[in-house]
Amino acid sequence: MSTQESEEMIREIEKRLKESLNVVSLKVSGSDSHYTIRVVSPDFEGKTSVSRQRMVFSALGDLIMGANAPIHAIDYMETLLPE
């Protein structure tokens, strides 16, 4: 995956998360189909860490699920509540 393709994927990840969650803060980085995500959202209130991660994966949908998904892995994910 080229640098341009990685940057486009980061923008798409950010777009999908912002459409699915009430995002207070968001940081996405990575390349070559491996990404890290740090998202802060009040939507995580009362949710377990596994439930929070599921919310993120659900927002990413076909980007991460399926045989031809462009994202191979989320190497690190933080799902936090606003302070």
Protein backbone atom coordinates (compact mmCIF):
# COMPACT_ATOMS: atom_id res chain seq x y z
CA MET A 1 0.00 0.00 0.00
CA SER A 2 1.43 3.38 -0.99
CA THR A 3 1.73 6.36 1.35
CA GLN A 4 -1.14 8.04 -0.48
CA GLU A 5 -3.33 4.94 -0.11
CA SER A 6 -2.48 4.75 3.61
CA GLU A 7 -3.42 8.42 4.06
CA GLU A 8 -6.70 7.85 2.22
CA MET A 9 -7.43 4.84 4.45
CA ILE A 10 -6.73 6.90 7.58
CA ARG A 11 -9.20 9.54 6.35
CA GLU A 12 -11.81 6.84 5.65
CA ILE A 13 -11.34 5.31 9.11
CA GLU A 14 -11.73 8.75 10.71
CA LYS A 15 -14.83 9.47 8.62
CA ARG A 16 -16.53 6.21 9.57
CA LEU A 17 -15.76 6.59 13.26
CA LYS A 18 -17.05 10.16 13.30
CA GLU A 19 -20.24 9.08 11.53
CA SER A 20 -20.85 6.22 14.00
CA LEU A 21 -19.73 7.69 17.30
CA ASN A 22 -19.95 11.01 19.11
CA VAL A 23 -16.19 11.60 18.82
CA VAL A 24 -14.52 14.07 21.17
CA SER A 25 -10.97 13.20 20.13
CA LEU A 26 -9.59 10.86 17.48
CA LYS A 27 -6.10 9.81 16.41
CA VAL A 28 -5.55 7.26 13.65
CA SER A 29 -2.14 6.28 12.33
CA GLY A 30 -0.55 3.44 10.43
CA SER A 31 0.26 2.07 7.02
CA ASP A 32 0.46 -1.13 5.00
CA SER A 33 -2.94 -2.32 6.26
CA HIS A 34 -1.95 -2.05 9.98
CA TYR A 35 -3.38 0.82 12.00
CA THR A 36 -3.64 2.22 15.51
CA ILE A 37 -6.71 4.03 16.79
CA ARG A 38 -7.25 6.25 19.83
CA VAL A 39 -10.82 7.45 20.16
CA VAL A 40 -12.49 9.38 22.97
CA SER A 41 -16.28 9.28 23.06
CA PRO A 42 -19.05 9.60 25.65
CA ASP A 43 -20.77 6.76 23.76
CA PHE A 44 -18.44 4.39 25.63
CA GLU A 45 -20.04 5.23 28.99
CA GLY A 46 -21.03 2.05 30.85
CA LYS A 47 -19.49 -0.23 28.21
CA THR A 48 -16.81 -2.85 28.80
CA SER A 49 -13.55 -2.55 26.88
CA VAL A 50 -14.64 -5.42 24.62
CA SER A 51 -17.96 -3.69 23.89
CA ARG A 52 -16.11 -0.46 23.07
CA GLN A 53 -13.83 -2.30 20.65
CA ARG A 54 -16.84 -3.94 19.02
CA MET A 55 -18.36 -0.50 18.49
CA VAL A 56 -15.19 0.59 16.68
CA PHE A 57 -15.00 -2.58 14.58
CA SER A 58 -18.68 -2.23 13.72
CA ALA A 59 -18.07 1.32 12.49
CA LEU A 60 -15.24 0.10 10.27
CA GLY A 61 -17.43 -2.64 8.77
CA ASP A 62 -16.15 -3.87 5.41
CA LEU A 63 -12.81 -2.11 5.88
CA ILE A 64 -11.80 -4.80 8.35
CA MET A 65 -14.24 -7.69 7.89
CA GLY A 66 -14.04 -10.15 5.03
CA ALA A 67 -11.43 -11.81 2.89
CA ASN A 68 -10.73 -8.73 0.75
CA ALA A 69 -10.76 -6.15 3.56
CA PRO A 70 -8.11 -3.44 3.08
CA ILE A 71 -7.30 -3.32 6.80
CA HIS A 72 -5.45 -6.39 7.98
CA ALA A 73 -5.11 -5.45 11.64
CA ILE A 74 -5.68 -2.84 14.28
CA ASP A 75 -2.39 -3.19 16.12
CA TYR A 76 -3.40 -0.98 19.03
CA MET A 77 -6.72 0.54 20.06
CA GLU A 78 -7.62 2.88 22.90
CA THR A 79 -11.30 3.57 23.55
CA LEU A 80 -11.61 6.24 26.23
CA LEU A 81 -14.23 8.35 27.93
CA PRO A 82 -13.88 12.14 28.00
CA GLU A 83 -12.46 13.53 31.22
